[in-house]
Amino acid sequence: MLYVGVGTCRDVAADEVIALVGRAVAEAGGGPVGALATVEARAAEPGLLAAAAHLGVPLTAYAPGALAAQPVPHPSEAARRALGTPGVAEAAALLAAGAGAVLAVPKRKSAHVTAAVARRPE
């Protein structure tokens, strides 16, 4: 099972989210996606909600403090300034996957979306 963390700009298009998530999942070797995960500030974004519905998975949201407490290999000063956490995609993926999770694909970017994929250790 794969868990995809997603960071976005406001008003992101679902097509852009779906495309980047698809590429990241393929890079991880494919497989079922258990959830999309993001920061609370983006949980009501129509593009993210539509992408989760398209994939048939829930959209899980985490508070900035929970994301900030999750160590990530590629922190972002822009995310820290805008959202109060040094990372959204990687941290959300790891939190969604649960204890012992590892990144299968570190953050990947498109114009308005960042995605990362985590899985539980086997």
N, C-alpha and C. Protein backbone atom coordinates (compact mmCIF):
# COMPACT_ATOMS: atom_id res chain seq x y z
N MET A 1 0.85 -1.18 0.00
CA MET A 1 0.00 0.00 0.00
C MET A 1 0.89 1.24 0.00
N LEU A 2 0.52 2.19 -0.83
CA LEU A 2 1.27 3.44 -0.94
C LEU A 2 0.45 4.58 -0.35
N TYR A 3 1.13 5.54 0.24
CA TYR A 3 0.49 6.72 0.82
C TYR A 3 1.15 7.94 0.20
N VAL A 4 0.34 8.81 -0.37
CA VAL A 4 0.87 9.94 -1.14
C VAL A 4 0.60 11.23 -0.41
N GLY A 5 1.67 11.94 -0.08
CA GLY A 5 1.56 13.27 0.49
C GLY A 5 1.56 14.28 -0.63
N VAL A 6 0.71 15.30 -0.50
CA VAL A 6 0.56 16.30 -1.55
C VAL A 6 0.55 17.70 -0.96
N GLY A 7 1.40 18.55 -1.49
CA GLY A 7 1.37 19.97 -1.18
C GLY A 7 0.94 20.71 -2.44
N THR A 8 0.16 21.76 -2.28
CA THR A 8 -0.33 22.48 -3.45
C THR A 8 -0.37 23.97 -3.20
N CYS A 9 -0.49 24.70 -4.29
CA CYS A 9 -0.85 26.10 -4.24
C CYS A 9 -2.37 26.15 -4.11
N ARG A 10 -2.89 27.29 -3.76
CA ARG A 10 -4.35 27.46 -3.73
C ARG A 10 -4.91 27.30 -5.13
N ASP A 11 -6.15 26.84 -5.20
CA ASP A 11 -6.87 26.72 -6.47
C ASP A 11 -6.18 25.82 -7.49
N VAL A 12 -5.52 24.79 -7.02
CA VAL A 12 -4.83 23.86 -7.92
C VAL A 12 -5.86 23.06 -8.71
N ALA A 13 -5.51 22.73 -9.94
CA ALA A 13 -6.40 21.92 -10.78
C ALA A 13 -6.24 20.44 -10.44
N ALA A 14 -7.35 19.74 -10.39
CA ALA A 14 -7.32 18.31 -10.09
C ALA A 14 -6.45 17.56 -11.09
N ASP A 15 -6.51 17.94 -12.36
CA ASP A 15 -5.72 17.25 -13.38
C ASP A 15 -4.23 17.29 -13.08
N GLU A 16 -3.75 18.43 -12.56
CA GLU A 16 -2.32 18.53 -12.23
C GLU A 16 -1.97 17.64 -11.05
N VAL A 17 -2.84 17.58 -10.06
CA VAL A 17 -2.62 16.70 -8.90
C VAL A 17 -2.60 15.25 -9.36
N ILE A 18 -3.60 14.86 -10.12
CA ILE A 18 -3.71 13.47 -10.59
C ILE A 18 -2.50 13.07 -11.42
N ALA A 19 -2.04 13.96 -12.29
CA ALA A 19 -0.89 13.66 -13.14
C ALA A 19 0.38 13.44 -12.32
N LEU A 20 0.66 14.35 -11.37
CA LEU A 20 1.88 14.21 -10.58
C LEU A 20 1.80 13.01 -9.65
N VAL A 21 0.65 12.79 -9.04
CA VAL A 21 0.49 11.61 -8.18
C VAL A 21 0.70 10.35 -9.00
N GLY A 22 0.15 10.30 -10.19
CA GLY A 22 0.34 9.13 -11.05
C GLY A 22 1.80 8.87 -11.37
N ARG A 23 2.53 9.93 -11.67
CA ARG A 23 3.97 9.76 -11.96
C ARG A 23 4.72 9.29 -10.73
N ALA A 24 4.41 9.86 -9.56
CA ALA A 24 5.10 9.47 -8.33
C ALA A 24 4.79 8.03 -7.95
N VAL A 25 3.54 7.62 -8.09
CA VAL A 25 3.16 6.23 -7.79
C VAL A 25 3.85 5.27 -8.76
N ALA A 26 3.91 5.63 -10.02
CA ALA A 26 4.61 4.79 -11.00
C ALA A 26 6.09 4.68 -10.65
N GLU A 27 6.68 5.79 -10.24
CA GLU A 27 8.10 5.78 -9.85
C GLU A 27 8.34 4.88 -8.64
N ALA A 28 7.32 4.78 -7.77
CA ALA A 28 7.42 3.92 -6.59
C ALA A 28 7.22 2.44 -6.94
N GLY A 29 6.92 2.16 -8.20
CA GLY A 29 6.72 0.78 -8.63
C GLY A 29 5.25 0.41 -8.76
N GLY A 30 4.37 1.38 -8.56
CA GLY A 30 2.95 1.13 -8.68
C GLY A 30 2.39 0.44 -7.47
N GLY A 31 1.11 0.21 -7.50
CA GLY A 31 0.44 -0.45 -6.39
C GLY A 31 -0.73 0.39 -5.91
N PRO A 32 -1.52 -0.18 -5.02
CA PRO A 32 -2.69 0.54 -4.53
C PRO A 32 -2.30 1.73 -3.65
N VAL A 33 -3.08 2.79 -3.74
CA VAL A 33 -2.88 3.98 -2.90
C VAL A 33 -3.91 3.92 -1.79
N GLY A 34 -3.44 4.08 -0.56
CA GLY A 34 -4.33 4.03 0.60
C GLY A 34 -4.94 5.36 0.95
N ALA A 35 -4.23 6.47 0.66
CA ALA A 35 -4.73 7.79 0.99
C ALA A 35 -3.88 8.85 0.34
N LEU A 36 -4.49 10.00 0.11
CA LEU A 36 -3.75 11.23 -0.16
C LEU A 36 -3.71 11.97 1.16
N ALA A 37 -2.64 12.66 1.43
CA ALA A 37 -2.50 13.39 2.68
C ALA A 37 -1.91 14.76 2.42
N THR A 38 -2.33 15.74 3.22
CA THR A 38 -1.89 17.11 3.02
C THR A 38 -1.95 17.87 4.34
N VAL A 39 -1.72 19.16 4.27
CA VAL A 39 -1.82 20.04 5.44
C VAL A 39 -3.26 20.54 5.58
N GLU A 40 -3.70 20.77 6.81
CA GLU A 40 -5.07 21.20 7.06
C GLU A 40 -5.49 22.40 6.22
N ALA A 41 -4.58 23.32 6.00
CA ALA A 41 -4.91 24.54 5.24
C ALA A 41 -5.33 24.26 3.81
N ARG A 42 -5.01 23.07 3.29
CA ARG A 42 -5.37 22.72 1.91
C ARG A 42 -6.44 21.63 1.83
N ALA A 43 -6.96 21.20 2.95
CA ALA A 43 -7.90 20.07 2.99
C ALA A 43 -9.21 20.33 2.26
N ALA A 44 -9.58 21.58 2.08
CA ALA A 44 -10.83 21.89 1.40
C ALA A 44 -10.62 22.31 -0.06
N GLU A 45 -9.40 22.19 -0.56
CA GLU A 45 -9.12 22.57 -1.95
C GLU A 45 -9.89 21.65 -2.90
N PRO A 46 -10.72 22.22 -3.76
CA PRO A 46 -11.50 21.39 -4.69
C PRO A 46 -10.63 20.47 -5.56
N GLY A 47 -9.48 20.94 -5.99
CA GLY A 47 -8.61 20.12 -6.82
C GLY A 47 -8.08 18.90 -6.09
N LEU A 48 -7.74 19.06 -4.82
CA LEU A 48 -7.27 17.93 -4.02
C LEU A 48 -8.42 16.96 -3.73
N LEU A 49 -9.57 17.49 -3.38
CA LEU A 49 -10.73 16.64 -3.11
C LEU A 49 -11.13 15.86 -4.36
N ALA A 50 -11.09 16.51 -5.51
CA ALA A 50 -11.43 15.83 -6.76
C ALA A 50 -10.40 14.76 -7.10
N ALA A 51 -9.13 15.03 -6.84
CA ALA A 51 -8.08 14.03 -7.10
C ALA A 51 -8.28 12.82 -6.20
N ALA A 52 -8.57 13.04 -4.93
CA ALA A 52 -8.81 11.92 -4.01
C ALA A 52 -10.02 11.11 -4.47
N ALA A 53 -11.07 11.79 -4.88
CA ALA A 53 -12.26 11.09 -5.36
C ALA A 53 -11.94 10.29 -6.62
N HIS A 54 -11.17 10.87 -7.53
CA HIS A 54 -10.77 10.18 -8.76
C HIS A 54 -10.01 8.89 -8.43
N LEU A 55 -9.14 8.96 -7.41
CA LEU A 55 -8.35 7.79 -7.01
C LEU A 55 -9.13 6.84 -6.11
N GLY A 56 -10.27 7.30 -5.61
CA GLY A 56 -11.08 6.46 -4.72
C GLY A 56 -10.48 6.29 -3.34
N VAL A 57 -9.80 7.33 -2.86
CA VAL A 57 -9.14 7.26 -1.55
C VAL A 57 -9.53 8.48 -0.72
N PRO A 58 -9.38 8.38 0.60
CA PRO A 58 -9.66 9.54 1.44
C PRO A 58 -8.56 10.59 1.31
N LEU A 59 -8.91 11.84 1.62
CA LEU A 59 -7.93 12.91 1.76
C LEU A 59 -7.77 13.15 3.24
N THR A 60 -6.58 12.86 3.75
CA THR A 60 -6.27 13.02 5.16
C THR A 60 -5.48 14.31 5.33
N ALA A 61 -5.83 15.08 6.36
CA ALA A 61 -5.14 16.36 6.59
C ALA A 61 -4.50 16.38 7.97
N TYR A 62 -3.33 16.98 8.05
CA TYR A 62 -2.58 17.09 9.29
C TYR A 62 -2.33 18.54 9.64
N ALA A 63 -2.30 18.83 10.92
CA ALA A 63 -1.97 20.16 11.41
C ALA A 63 -0.51 20.48 11.08
N PRO A 64 -0.20 21.76 10.87
CA PRO A 64 1.19 22.12 10.58
C PRO A 64 2.17 21.63 11.64
N GLY A 65 1.76 21.65 12.91
CA GLY A 65 2.65 21.19 13.97
C GLY A 65 2.99 19.71 13.85
N ALA A 66 2.02 18.90 13.47
CA ALA A 66 2.27 17.47 13.28
C ALA A 66 3.22 17.25 12.11
N LEU A 67 3.02 17.99 11.03
CA LEU A 67 3.92 17.87 9.87
C LEU A 67 5.32 18.35 10.22
N ALA A 68 5.41 19.45 10.96
CA ALA A 68 6.72 20.01 11.33
C ALA A 68 7.51 19.06 12.24
N ALA A 69 6.79 18.25 13.02
CA ALA A 69 7.46 17.30 13.92
C ALA A 69 8.00 16.08 13.19
N GLN A 70 7.59 15.88 11.95
CA GLN A 70 8.04 14.73 11.16
C GLN A 70 9.30 15.12 10.37
N PRO A 71 10.45 14.52 10.69
CA PRO A 71 11.66 14.85 9.93
C PRO A 71 11.50 14.49 8.45
N VAL A 72 11.97 15.39 7.59
CA VAL A 72 11.90 15.16 6.14
C VAL A 72 13.28 15.44 5.53
N PRO A 73 13.62 14.72 4.45
CA PRO A 73 14.93 14.91 3.84
C PRO A 73 15.06 16.18 2.99
N HIS A 74 13.93 16.76 2.56
CA HIS A 74 13.99 17.92 1.66
C HIS A 74 13.08 19.03 2.16
N PRO A 75 13.46 19.71 3.26
CA PRO A 75 12.60 20.78 3.78
C PRO A 75 12.51 21.96 2.82
N SER A 76 11.45 22.73 2.98
CA SER A 76 11.20 23.88 2.11
C SER A 76 10.97 25.13 2.94
N GLU A 77 11.78 26.14 2.70
CA GLU A 77 11.60 27.40 3.41
C GLU A 77 10.29 28.06 2.99
N ALA A 78 9.89 27.89 1.73
CA ALA A 78 8.63 28.46 1.26
C ALA A 78 7.45 27.86 2.02
N ALA A 79 7.46 26.55 2.23
CA ALA A 79 6.38 25.90 2.99
C ALA A 79 6.40 26.38 4.44
N ARG A 80 7.58 26.53 4.99
CA ARG A 80 7.69 26.99 6.38
C ARG A 80 7.07 28.39 6.52
N ARG A 81 7.38 29.28 5.58
CA ARG A 81 6.85 30.64 5.64
C ARG A 81 5.33 30.66 5.41
N ALA A 82 4.86 29.90 4.44
CA ALA A 82 3.45 29.95 4.06
C ALA A 82 2.53 29.16 5.00
N LEU A 83 3.02 28.02 5.50
CA LEU A 83 2.15 27.09 6.21
C LEU A 83 2.59 26.75 7.62
N GLY A 84 3.79 27.17 8.00
CA GLY A 84 4.27 26.89 9.34
C GLY A 84 4.88 25.51 9.51
N THR A 85 5.23 24.87 8.42
CA THR A 85 5.87 23.56 8.46
C THR A 85 6.93 23.49 7.37
N PRO A 86 8.08 22.88 7.65
CA PRO A 86 9.13 22.83 6.63
C PRO A 86 8.88 21.81 5.52
N GLY A 87 7.79 21.12 5.59
CA GLY A 87 7.49 20.17 4.53
C GLY A 87 6.06 19.71 4.61
N VAL A 88 5.43 19.54 3.46
CA VAL A 88 4.06 19.02 3.43
C VAL A 88 4.05 17.63 2.80
N ALA A 89 4.48 17.51 1.55
CA ALA A 89 4.34 16.25 0.83
C ALA A 89 5.04 15.09 1.53
N GLU A 90 6.32 15.24 1.83
CA GLU A 90 7.06 14.13 2.44
C GLU A 90 6.52 13.83 3.84
N ALA A 91 6.31 14.88 4.64
CA ALA A 91 5.83 14.67 6.01
C ALA A 91 4.45 14.04 6.02
N ALA A 92 3.55 14.53 5.17
CA ALA A 92 2.19 13.98 5.13
C ALA A 92 2.19 12.53 4.67
N ALA A 93 3.01 12.20 3.69
CA ALA A 93 3.09 10.81 3.23
C ALA A 93 3.56 9.90 4.35
N LEU A 94 4.60 10.31 5.06
CA LEU A 94 5.14 9.49 6.15
C LEU A 94 4.13 9.33 7.29
N LEU A 95 3.46 10.43 7.65
CA LEU A 95 2.46 10.33 8.71
C LEU A 95 1.30 9.44 8.31
N ALA A 96 0.84 9.56 7.07
CA ALA A 96 -0.29 8.75 6.61
C ALA A 96 0.06 7.26 6.60
N ALA A 97 1.31 6.95 6.27
CA ALA A 97 1.73 5.55 6.20
C ALA A 97 1.91 4.94 7.58
N GLY A 98 2.15 5.75 8.59
CA GLY A 98 2.24 5.26 9.96
C GLY A 98 3.65 4.97 10.44
N ALA A 99 3.72 4.42 11.65
CA ALA A 99 4.99 4.16 12.31
C ALA A 99 5.89 3.29 11.45
N GLY A 100 7.15 3.67 11.38
CA GLY A 100 8.13 2.90 10.62
C GLY A 100 8.11 3.14 9.13
N ALA A 101 7.28 4.08 8.66
CA ALA A 101 7.17 4.33 7.22
C ALA A 101 8.48 4.84 6.65
N VAL A 102 8.66 4.55 5.37
CA VAL A 102 9.83 5.03 4.64
C VAL A 102 9.36 5.68 3.34
N LEU A 103 10.12 6.66 2.88
CA LEU A 103 9.79 7.29 1.61
C LEU A 103 10.18 6.37 0.47
N ALA A 104 9.25 6.06 -0.37
CA ALA A 104 9.52 5.29 -1.58
C ALA A 104 9.94 6.24 -2.70
N VAL A 105 9.37 7.44 -2.69
CA VAL A 105 9.70 8.48 -3.66
C VAL A 105 9.71 9.80 -2.90
N PRO A 106 10.86 10.48 -2.84
CA PRO A 106 10.88 11.80 -2.20
C PRO A 106 10.09 12.79 -3.03
N LYS A 107 9.97 14.00 -2.52
CA LYS A 107 9.08 14.95 -3.19
C LYS A 107 9.47 15.19 -4.63
N ARG A 108 8.42 15.25 -5.44
CA ARG A 108 8.51 15.57 -6.86
C ARG A 108 7.63 16.78 -7.09
N LYS A 109 7.99 17.61 -8.04
CA LYS A 109 7.27 18.86 -8.24
C LYS A 109 6.75 19.01 -9.65
N SER A 110 5.60 19.66 -9.74
CA SER A 110 5.10 20.19 -11.01
C SER A 110 4.93 21.69 -10.78
N ALA A 111 4.24 22.36 -11.63
CA ALA A 111 4.11 23.82 -11.49
C ALA A 111 3.44 24.24 -10.18
N HIS A 112 2.40 23.52 -9.75
CA HIS A 112 1.64 23.93 -8.58
C HIS A 112 1.45 22.84 -7.53
N VAL A 113 2.10 21.70 -7.72
CA VAL A 113 1.90 20.55 -6.84
C VAL A 113 3.24 19.94 -6.46
N THR A 114 3.31 19.44 -5.23
CA THR A 114 4.44 18.65 -4.77
C THR A 114 3.86 17.34 -4.24
N ALA A 115 4.47 16.22 -4.61
CA ALA A 115 3.98 14.92 -4.15
C ALA A 115 5.15 14.05 -3.71
N ALA A 116 4.90 13.21 -2.71
CA ALA A 116 5.88 12.23 -2.25
C ALA A 116 5.11 10.96 -1.90
N VAL A 117 5.80 9.83 -1.98
CA VAL A 117 5.15 8.54 -1.73
C VAL A 117 5.88 7.82 -0.60
N ALA A 118 5.11 7.31 0.35
CA ALA A 118 5.66 6.52 1.45
C ALA A 118 4.97 5.17 1.50
N ARG A 119 5.66 4.23 2.13
CA ARG A 119 5.08 2.91 2.37
C ARG A 119 5.54 2.43 3.73
N ARG A 120 4.79 1.49 4.25
CA ARG A 120 5.18 0.85 5.50
C ARG A 120 6.25 -0.16 5.19
N PRO A 121 7.18 -0.36 6.10
CA PRO A 121 8.21 -1.38 5.83
C PRO A 121 7.60 -2.77 5.76
N GLU A 122 8.20 -3.60 4.94
CA GLU A 122 7.65 -4.96 4.75
C GLU A 122 8.20 -5.91 5.76
